[in-house]
Amino acid sequence: MFSCSKEPVQSEQDISQQLEKKAETFIQHMVKGEFQQAAENFDQAMKEAMSVQDLEDLWETMNLQIGLFLEVKEYRYEKYEQFDVIFAICSFEKMDVKFRIVFDSLQQIAGLGFLPVEQEYVYEPPEYVDENLFEEIDIEFGNPDWLLPGNLTLPKAEESCPVVILVHGSGPQDRDETIGPNKLFRDLAWGLSSRGIAVLRYDKRTFVHGQKMVESDVFIDFDMETVDDVAQAVKFLKQYEQADFSKIYVLGHSMGGYLIPYMLDKYPDLIDGAVIMAGNTRPLEDLILEQTEYILTADGELSEFDSTQIDLVTRQVNWAKSDQLTADTPPDSLPMYLPAEYWLMAREYHPAELMKKAAVPVLILQGERDYQVTMEDFQNWKDALEQNDNVSFISYPDLNHLFISGEGESTPEEYMTEGHMSGVVLEDIVKWIDNN
């Protein structure tokens, strides 16, 4: 007599739980920079389509564009033809991303996709904006190889007026410096132009030409990333025949503010004044580690996974500061996976000291609830520049990094709540420009 048996059929719930665990392991390897281990569960077709280096490059690009990985919010399982798919909703500093991890019948990874979690936001202007008082014009300017689209907002009633160029923070940024539903640069542009001040804002070079920059293997330094395009914006305004600009100011937010001393030193005759909003004085790598620790401990708990991530960033920061750092140090050993040349350049830059040489008027603004650029940076500006009569300082107790009002400690989640730059900040900038 013969008997036969069948393998027990797994339930969809069993499969879902198994694949969620595999997806979690894959994501953990990515976050830790363990790309070889992350790729070990690729099927043969995936191994041929995406090398370990490709996977590393992909993760580096995501870190540069949307900031540090924070957490997985949820996993969701779906069946698609012969494949099983896990969707992982992952939070990064600047946005949420949907990881689409496709598994074959052997539970090997047969496909990967990364999509933004789209949310529809309708911009409602703040009360200090009057759209009847200005017009907005589409423009394009810049180096012919790196042309940038943008907007010029012009007050309708002014024959001659000052103009402000808005300079972005770190990473690829659009002309509005959009973070979640918030658009700091549109608030600034429309608010200032409602008060008789023209504004030029534009999509950042890394936002428009990021892929081209990677493929052309150009060295991304302060000039390539930011400063060259500010100079091109000034040139555009000086040649613009449809308006008369009495003075040209630059306003830098976050890293844009950090680079203001560099701009004023390199182009002392191009700019009539500058505003720094939440500009850091401390080394970039110190801020990266500080922000990582703040974000991962904000809930009062520190998981093993969180500790591992902090340890990874700590090692990367130590490498960036090491005397052994050379141009040949691999990027995966360094913060944000940026090349060693970038960190060798950054270590020679001391913004607060360089600002002492500036001859033009400067206004430095800081939100006291800002966890990204803190009051320590603001105090460093004040200590370095206390003898400089051309520099003014204002801080705001209730404002965060986006200069939006709030209560308690600021968190990344706060950026996902719709708000607007404080009208008090707008008034302070307008008064300062009127007086300078």
Protein backbone atom coordinates (compact mmCIF):
# COMPACT_ATOMS: atom_id res chain seq x y z
CA MET A 1 0.00 0.00 0.00
CA PHE A 2 1.32 3.33 -0.93
CA SER A 3 0.52 6.64 0.65
CA CYS A 4 1.29 10.06 -0.57
CA SER A 5 1.52 13.33 1.26
CA LYS A 6 1.48 16.90 0.17
CA GLU A 7 3.44 19.82 1.49
CA PRO A 8 1.12 21.94 3.63
CA VAL A 9 -0.21 24.89 1.69
CA GLN A 10 0.86 28.16 3.25
CA SER A 11 -1.78 30.72 3.93
CA GLU A 12 -1.53 34.20 2.48
CA GLN A 13 -0.96 35.48 6.01
CA ASP A 14 2.03 33.15 6.46
CA ILE A 15 3.54 34.28 3.16
CA SER A 16 2.93 37.93 4.01
CA GLN A 17 4.68 37.60 7.39
CA GLN A 18 7.66 35.79 5.88
CA LEU A 19 8.11 38.35 3.12
CA GLU A 20 7.67 41.30 5.45
CA LYS A 21 10.58 39.90 7.46
CA LYS A 22 12.68 39.56 4.31
CA ALA A 23 11.75 43.10 3.25
CA GLU A 24 12.66 44.39 6.70
CA THR A 25 16.05 42.65 6.52
CA PHE A 26 16.69 44.11 3.06
CA ILE A 27 15.88 47.65 4.22
CA GLN A 28 18.04 47.28 7.33
CA HIS A 29 21.01 46.23 5.19
CA MET A 30 20.46 49.28 2.98
CA VAL A 31 20.29 51.67 5.93
CA LYS A 32 23.46 50.18 7.44
CA GLY A 33 25.31 50.51 4.14
CA GLU A 34 25.56 46.71 3.81
CA PHE A 35 24.81 46.63 0.10
CA GLN A 36 26.50 43.29 -0.58
CA GLN A 37 24.26 41.62 2.00
CA ALA A 38 21.21 43.51 0.69
CA ALA A 39 21.79 42.07 -2.79
CA GLU A 40 22.33 38.48 -1.63
CA ASN A 41 18.61 37.64 -1.94
CA PHE A 42 18.33 38.97 -5.51
CA ASP A 43 17.27 36.42 -8.10
CA GLN A 44 19.58 35.90 -11.08
CA ALA A 45 17.80 38.42 -13.30
CA MET A 46 18.05 41.10 -10.61
CA LYS A 47 21.74 40.37 -10.04
CA GLU A 48 22.32 40.93 -13.75
CA ALA A 49 20.16 44.05 -13.87
CA MET A 50 21.41 45.74 -10.68
CA SER A 51 24.93 45.38 -9.34
CA VAL A 52 25.91 45.99 -5.73
CA GLN A 53 27.43 49.29 -6.88
CA ASP A 54 24.16 50.24 -8.58
CA LEU A 55 22.31 49.55 -5.33
CA GLU A 56 24.79 51.67 -3.38
CA ASP A 57 24.52 54.53 -5.89
CA LEU A 58 20.74 54.39 -5.68
CA TRP A 59 20.76 54.65 -1.89
CA GLU A 60 23.31 57.47 -1.94
CA THR A 61 21.12 59.42 -4.36
CA MET A 62 18.08 58.93 -2.14
CA ASN A 63 20.00 60.17 0.91
CA LEU A 64 21.15 63.25 -0.96
CA GLN A 65 17.69 64.03 -2.27
CA ILE A 66 15.37 63.26 0.62
CA GLY A 67 17.61 63.11 3.69
CA LEU A 68 18.15 60.48 6.34
CA PHE A 69 16.02 57.35 6.66
CA LEU A 70 13.79 57.59 9.74
CA GLU A 71 11.50 54.55 9.96
CA VAL A 72 9.20 52.12 8.17
CA LYS A 73 5.64 53.27 8.80
CA GLU A 74 3.89 50.18 7.48
CA TYR A 75 4.21 47.07 5.34
CA ARG A 76 1.50 45.94 2.93
CA TYR A 77 1.30 42.66 1.00
CA GLU A 78 -0.22 42.17 -2.46
CA LYS A 79 -0.33 39.28 -4.91
CA TYR A 80 0.42 40.17 -8.54
CA GLU A 81 0.21 37.31 -11.04
CA GLN A 82 2.94 34.82 -10.05
CA PHE A 83 4.73 37.34 -7.82
CA ASP A 84 4.32 38.42 -4.22
CA VAL A 85 4.83 42.13 -3.55
CA ILE A 86 5.65 43.92 -0.31
CA PHE A 87 5.06 47.66 -0.18
CA ALA A 88 7.02 49.38 2.60
CA ILE A 89 6.09 52.98 3.38
CA CYS A 90 9.37 54.52 4.55
CA SER A 91 9.82 57.93 6.14
CA PHE A 92 12.84 60.02 5.24
CA GLU A 93 13.58 63.52 6.52
CA LYS A 94 11.96 65.32 3.61
CA MET A 95 9.26 62.95 2.42
CA ASP A 96 7.79 59.45 2.55
CA VAL A 97 8.79 56.89 -0.07
CA LYS A 98 7.00 53.67 -1.05
CA PHE A 99 9.43 50.76 -1.50
CA ARG A 100 8.00 48.14 -3.90
CA ILE A 101 9.84 44.86 -3.28
CA VAL A 102 8.82 42.03 -5.63
CA PHE A 103 9.45 38.40 -4.61
CA ASP A 104 9.38 35.31 -6.84
CA SER A 105 8.15 31.83 -5.90
CA LEU A 106 11.48 31.12 -4.15
CA GLN A 107 11.06 34.29 -2.07
CA GLN A 108 13.99 35.92 -3.84
CA ILE A 109 13.85 39.60 -4.77
CA ALA A 110 12.85 39.83 -8.43
CA GLY A 111 12.17 43.55 -8.66
CA LEU A 112 12.56 46.88 -6.86
CA GLY A 113 10.79 50.18 -7.16
CA PHE A 114 10.91 53.42 -5.22
CA LEU A 115 8.02 55.87 -5.53
CA PRO A 116 7.14 59.04 -3.63
CA VAL A 117 4.03 58.82 -1.50
CA GLU A 118 2.00 61.42 -3.31
CA GLN A 119 -0.20 63.75 -1.32
CA GLU A 120 -2.21 66.49 -2.90
CA TYR A 121 -1.67 69.89 -1.33
CA VAL A 122 -3.34 73.05 -2.56
CA TYR A 123 -1.25 76.10 -1.69
CA GLU A 124 -3.28 78.72 0.13
CA PRO A 125 -1.33 81.99 0.44
CA PRO A 126 -0.81 83.41 3.94
CA GLU A 127 -2.64 86.54 5.05
CA TYR A 128 0.32 88.79 4.33
CA VAL A 129 0.16 88.00 0.59
CA ASP A 130 -1.90 90.17 -1.79
CA GLU A 131 -1.76 88.64 -5.27
CA ASN A 132 -3.17 91.84 -6.80
CA LEU A 133 0.02 93.73 -5.94
CA PHE A 134 2.54 91.75 -7.99
CA GLU A 135 2.98 89.69 -11.14
CA GLU A 136 4.96 86.48 -11.49
CA ILE A 137 7.01 85.79 -14.61
CA ASP A 138 8.51 82.49 -15.77
CA ILE A 139 12.24 82.84 -16.43
CA GLU A 140 15.25 80.75 -17.42
CA PHE A 141 18.86 81.68 -16.78
CA GLY A 142 22.30 80.30 -16.06
CA ASN A 143 25.23 78.55 -17.63
CA PRO A 144 24.17 77.17 -21.05
CA ASP A 145 25.08 73.66 -19.89
CA TRP A 146 23.05 74.02 -16.69
CA LEU A 147 20.08 76.26 -17.50
CA LEU A 148 17.62 76.70 -14.63
CA PRO A 149 13.90 77.52 -14.74
CA GLY A 150 12.45 79.85 -12.15
CA ASN A 151 10.15 82.74 -11.35
CA LEU A 152 10.62 86.47 -11.00
CA THR A 153 7.94 88.21 -8.93
CA LEU A 154 7.65 91.93 -9.62
CA PRO A 155 5.65 94.50 -7.62
CA LYS A 156 3.16 96.19 -9.96
CA ALA A 157 3.31 99.69 -8.52
CA GLU A 158 7.08 100.11 -8.36
CA GLU A 159 9.17 101.67 -11.14
CA SER A 160 12.35 100.84 -9.26
CA CYS A 161 12.64 98.37 -6.41
CA PRO A 162 15.14 96.14 -4.58
CA VAL A 163 15.30 92.48 -5.55
CA VAL A 164 16.11 89.41 -3.45
CA ILE A 165 17.61 86.14 -4.77
CA LEU A 166 16.54 83.11 -2.72
CA VAL A 167 19.23 80.47 -2.12
CA HIS A 168 18.22 76.92 -1.16
CA GLY A 169 19.21 74.60 1.64
CA SER A 170 20.95 71.25 1.10
CA GLY A 171 19.87 68.62 -1.39
CA PRO A 172 17.84 68.97 -4.58
CA GLN A 173 15.21 71.67 -3.99
CA ASP A 174 12.54 73.18 -6.19
CA ARG A 175 12.02 76.94 -6.52
CA ASP A 176 9.53 76.97 -3.62
CA GLU A 177 11.81 74.94 -1.32
CA THR A 178 8.88 72.57 -0.92
CA ILE A 179 8.88 70.31 2.14
CA GLY A 180 5.63 68.41 2.51
CA PRO A 181 2.80 70.94 2.17
CA ASN A 182 5.07 73.86 3.07
CA LYS A 183 6.67 76.27 0.61
CA LEU A 184 8.96 78.66 2.45
CA PHE A 185 10.33 80.31 -0.69
CA ARG A 186 6.90 80.93 -2.20
CA ASP A 187 5.80 82.49 1.10
CA LEU A 188 8.89 84.70 0.96
CA ALA A 189 8.56 85.62 -2.71
CA TRP A 190 4.87 86.45 -2.64
CA GLY A 191 5.11 88.13 0.75
CA LEU A 192 8.03 90.37 -0.19
CA SER A 193 6.53 91.27 -3.56
CA SER A 194 3.30 92.23 -1.78
CA ARG A 195 5.48 94.75 0.06
CA GLY A 196 7.25 96.27 -2.94
CA ILE A 197 10.29 94.00 -3.16
CA ALA A 198 11.01 91.83 -6.23
CA VAL A 199 12.16 88.23 -5.75
CA LEU A 200 13.98 85.75 -8.00
CA ARG A 201 13.66 82.07 -7.10
CA TYR A 202 14.60 79.03 -9.15
CA ASP A 203 14.89 75.26 -9.18
CA LYS A 204 18.27 74.23 -7.79
CA ARG A 205 20.85 72.75 -10.16
CA THR A 206 20.82 69.39 -8.38
CA PHE A 207 17.01 69.33 -8.72
CA VAL A 208 17.01 70.06 -12.47
CA HIS A 209 20.23 68.36 -13.57
CA GLY A 210 20.88 65.80 -10.81
CA GLN A 211 21.06 62.80 -13.13
CA LYS A 212 23.25 64.65 -15.61
CA MET A 213 25.63 65.63 -12.81
CA VAL A 214 25.95 62.00 -11.73
CA GLU A 215 26.47 60.72 -15.27
CA SER A 216 29.03 63.41 -16.15
CA ASP A 217 30.96 62.62 -12.96
CA VAL A 218 31.50 66.31 -12.18
CA PHE A 219 33.01 67.30 -8.84
CA ILE A 220 30.18 68.78 -6.79
CA ASP A 221 31.60 71.54 -4.62
CA PHE A 222 30.01 74.69 -3.15
CA ASP A 223 30.34 76.50 -6.48
CA MET A 224 28.92 73.71 -8.63
CA GLU A 225 26.05 72.98 -6.26
CA THR A 226 25.00 76.53 -5.36
CA VAL A 227 27.25 79.56 -5.69
CA ASP A 228 27.81 79.62 -9.47
CA ASP A 229 24.06 79.82 -10.01
CA VAL A 230 23.69 82.72 -7.57
CA ALA A 231 26.27 84.63 -9.62
CA GLN A 232 24.33 83.72 -12.78
CA ALA A 233 21.13 85.01 -11.16
CA VAL A 234 22.80 88.35 -10.39
CA LYS A 235 24.00 88.56 -13.99
CA PHE A 236 20.46 87.84 -15.23
CA LEU A 237 18.99 90.60 -13.05
CA LYS A 238 21.58 93.17 -14.14
CA GLN A 239 20.72 92.45 -17.78
CA TYR A 240 16.94 92.32 -17.27
CA GLU A 241 15.49 95.26 -19.21
CA GLN A 242 11.84 95.06 -18.13
CA ALA A 243 12.55 96.29 -14.58
CA ASP A 244 14.92 98.57 -12.71
CA PHE A 245 16.41 97.02 -9.59
CA SER A 246 17.81 99.54 -7.11
CA LYS A 247 19.73 96.95 -5.07
CA ILE A 248 20.37 93.20 -5.24
CA TYR A 249 20.22 91.10 -2.06
CA VAL A 250 20.70 87.39 -1.48
CA LEU A 251 18.73 85.43 1.11
CA GLY A 252 20.05 82.00 2.03
CA HIS A 253 18.14 79.42 4.05
CA SER A 254 19.88 76.60 5.94
CA MET A 255 22.90 75.56 3.82
CA GLY A 256 22.17 78.56 1.59
CA GLY A 257 22.75 80.74 4.66
CA TYR A 258 25.87 78.77 5.57
CA LEU A 259 27.29 79.69 2.15
CA ILE A 260 26.50 83.43 2.31
CA PRO A 261 30.01 84.34 3.64
CA TYR A 262 31.54 82.30 0.80
CA MET A 263 29.43 84.19 -1.76
CA LEU A 264 30.24 87.61 -0.31
CA ASP A 265 33.94 86.78 -0.25
CA LYS A 266 34.02 85.45 -3.81
CA TYR A 267 31.77 88.17 -5.30
CA PRO A 268 32.22 91.25 -3.07
CA ASP A 269 30.98 93.69 -5.72
CA LEU A 270 27.93 91.77 -6.95
CA ILE A 271 25.70 91.80 -3.87
CA ASP A 272 24.38 94.80 -1.88
CA GLY A 273 23.31 92.88 1.22
CA ALA A 274 22.45 89.44 2.57
CA VAL A 275 19.95 87.69 4.82
CA ILE A 276 20.83 84.42 6.57
CA MET A 277 17.88 82.31 7.72
CA ALA A 278 18.88 79.35 9.92
CA GLY A 279 22.40 79.21 8.53
CA ASN A 280 24.79 76.92 10.35
CA THR A 281 28.27 77.87 11.51
CA ARG A 282 29.31 74.43 12.71
CA PRO A 283 30.72 71.76 10.37
CA LEU A 284 28.13 70.01 8.23
CA GLU A 285 29.12 66.57 9.50
CA ASP A 286 28.48 67.64 13.11
CA LEU A 287 24.96 68.71 12.18
CA ILE A 288 24.30 65.42 10.39
CA LEU A 289 25.23 63.39 13.48
CA GLU A 290 23.34 65.72 15.82
CA GLN A 291 20.20 65.54 13.67
CA THR A 292 20.42 61.75 13.42
CA GLU A 293 20.65 61.38 17.19
CA TYR A 294 17.84 63.90 17.75
CA ILE A 295 15.45 62.26 15.30
CA LEU A 296 16.06 58.68 16.41
CA THR A 297 15.75 59.47 20.13
CA ALA A 298 12.83 61.92 19.87
CA ASP A 299 10.30 59.28 20.95
CA GLY A 300 12.26 58.53 24.12
CA GLU A 301 13.20 55.06 22.91
CA LEU A 302 16.32 53.75 21.22
CA SER A 303 15.93 50.45 19.42
CA GLU A 304 18.83 48.22 18.40
CA PHE A 305 18.20 49.32 14.83
CA ASP A 306 18.36 53.01 15.85
CA SER A 307 21.61 52.42 17.73
CA THR A 308 23.11 50.72 14.69
CA GLN A 309 22.19 53.67 12.50
CA ILE A 310 23.68 56.18 14.95
CA ASP A 311 26.86 54.08 15.13
CA LEU A 312 27.08 54.07 11.32
CA VAL A 313 26.73 57.85 11.06
CA THR A 314 29.21 58.31 13.92
CA ARG A 315 31.82 56.23 12.06
CA GLN A 316 31.19 58.22 8.88
CA VAL A 317 31.55 61.53 10.71
CA ASN A 318 34.76 60.36 12.38
CA TRP A 319 36.15 59.49 8.95
CA ALA A 320 35.24 62.96 7.64
CA LYS A 321 37.19 64.50 10.52
CA SER A 322 40.09 62.06 10.39
CA ASP A 323 43.62 63.14 9.48
CA GLN A 324 43.68 60.00 7.34
CA LEU A 325 40.93 61.30 5.04
CA THR A 326 42.21 61.49 1.47
CA ALA A 327 40.65 62.00 -1.93
CA ASP A 328 40.69 58.20 -2.32
CA THR A 329 38.54 57.50 0.75
CA PRO A 330 35.40 55.71 -0.55
CA PRO A 331 32.13 57.69 -0.30
CA ASP A 332 30.35 54.88 1.57
CA SER A 333 32.69 55.59 4.49
CA LEU A 334 31.56 59.22 4.68
CA PRO A 335 28.45 61.18 5.72
CA MET A 336 25.62 61.29 3.18
CA TYR A 337 27.87 59.15 0.94
CA LEU A 338 29.38 62.35 -0.46
CA PRO A 339 32.87 62.06 -2.00
CA ALA A 340 35.95 62.72 0.09
CA GLU A 341 36.82 65.82 -1.94
CA TYR A 342 33.64 67.47 -0.67
CA TRP A 343 34.58 66.91 2.96
CA LEU A 344 38.19 67.97 2.40
CA MET A 345 36.87 71.23 0.96
CA ALA A 346 34.27 71.74 3.70
CA ARG A 347 36.79 71.34 6.53
CA GLU A 348 38.65 74.43 5.25
CA TYR A 349 35.53 76.61 5.33
CA HIS A 350 34.73 78.60 8.48
CA PRO A 351 31.68 80.78 7.73
CA ALA A 352 31.53 82.90 10.89
CA GLU A 353 35.20 83.86 10.63
CA LEU A 354 34.94 84.59 6.91
CA MET A 355 31.89 86.77 7.49
CA LYS A 356 34.05 89.22 9.47
CA LYS A 357 35.41 90.44 6.13
CA ALA A 358 31.97 91.28 4.71
CA ALA A 359 31.41 94.97 4.06
CA VAL A 360 27.72 94.85 3.07
CA PRO A 361 24.75 94.83 5.49
CA VAL A 362 23.81 91.37 6.80
CA LEU A 363 20.72 90.19 8.71
CA ILE A 364 20.90 86.86 10.57
CA LEU A 365 17.60 85.21 11.59
CA GLN A 366 17.07 82.07 13.68
CA GLY A 367 14.12 80.06 14.96
CA GLU A 368 14.71 79.00 18.55
CA ARG A 369 12.77 75.72 18.06
CA ASP A 370 15.00 74.68 15.16
CA TYR A 371 16.61 71.27 15.78
CA GLN A 372 18.51 71.20 12.46
CA VAL A 373 20.41 74.46 12.85
CA THR A 374 20.29 75.41 16.50
CA MET A 375 20.78 78.39 18.77
CA GLU A 376 24.38 77.24 19.19
CA ASP A 377 24.97 78.22 15.56
CA PHE A 378 23.17 81.53 16.08
CA GLN A 379 25.33 82.29 19.13
CA ASN A 380 28.45 81.45 17.12
CA TRP A 381 27.45 84.10 14.55
CA LYS A 382 26.91 86.64 17.33
CA ASP A 383 30.19 85.86 19.09
CA ALA A 384 32.21 86.10 15.87
CA LEU A 385 30.52 89.25 14.57
CA GLU A 386 29.81 91.29 17.70
CA GLN A 387 32.25 93.98 16.52
CA ASN A 388 30.72 94.17 13.03
CA ASP A 389 28.30 97.10 12.93
CA ASN A 390 26.95 95.96 9.56
CA VAL A 391 25.42 92.76 11.00
CA SER A 392 22.03 92.49 12.76
CA PHE A 393 20.56 89.53 14.64
CA ILE A 394 17.01 88.40 15.45
CA SER A 395 15.78 85.11 16.94
CA TYR A 396 12.20 83.90 17.35
CA PRO A 397 11.18 81.73 20.34
CA ASP A 398 8.29 79.87 18.67
CA LEU A 399 9.68 79.22 15.17
CA ASN A 400 11.16 76.05 13.68
CA HIS A 401 13.63 75.49 10.83
CA LEU A 402 11.01 76.58 8.27
CA PHE A 403 10.21 79.68 10.35
CA ILE A 404 6.73 78.30 11.05
CA SER A 405 5.26 78.86 14.50
CA GLY A 406 4.70 75.93 16.86
CA GLU A 407 4.91 74.70 20.43
CA GLY A 408 7.21 72.27 22.20
CA GLU A 409 10.10 70.44 20.59
CA SER A 410 10.17 70.44 16.81
CA THR A 411 10.17 67.13 14.92
CA PRO A 412 10.33 66.03 11.25
CA GLU A 413 6.61 65.21 11.44
CA GLU A 414 5.93 68.89 12.09
CA TYR A 415 7.13 69.66 8.55
CA MET A 416 4.29 67.52 7.18
CA THR A 417 1.68 69.83 8.73
CA GLU A 418 0.68 72.73 6.53
CA GLY A 419 1.81 76.14 7.73
CA HIS A 420 3.38 79.38 6.60
CA MET A 421 6.43 81.44 7.41
CA SER A 422 5.64 83.82 10.24
CA GLY A 423 4.46 87.28 9.19
CA VAL A 424 6.73 88.72 11.89
CA VAL A 425 9.75 87.40 9.96
CA LEU A 426 8.46 89.01 6.77
CA GLU A 427 8.06 92.38 8.50
CA ASP A 428 11.59 92.18 9.94
CA ILE A 429 13.09 91.46 6.50
CA VAL A 430 11.09 94.26 4.85
CA LYS A 431 12.14 96.79 7.51
CA TRP A 432 15.77 95.75 7.24
CA ILE A 433 15.78 96.07 3.43
CA ASP A 434 14.06 99.48 3.66
CA ASN A 435 16.79 100.66 6.04
CA ASN A 436 19.71 99.23 4.07
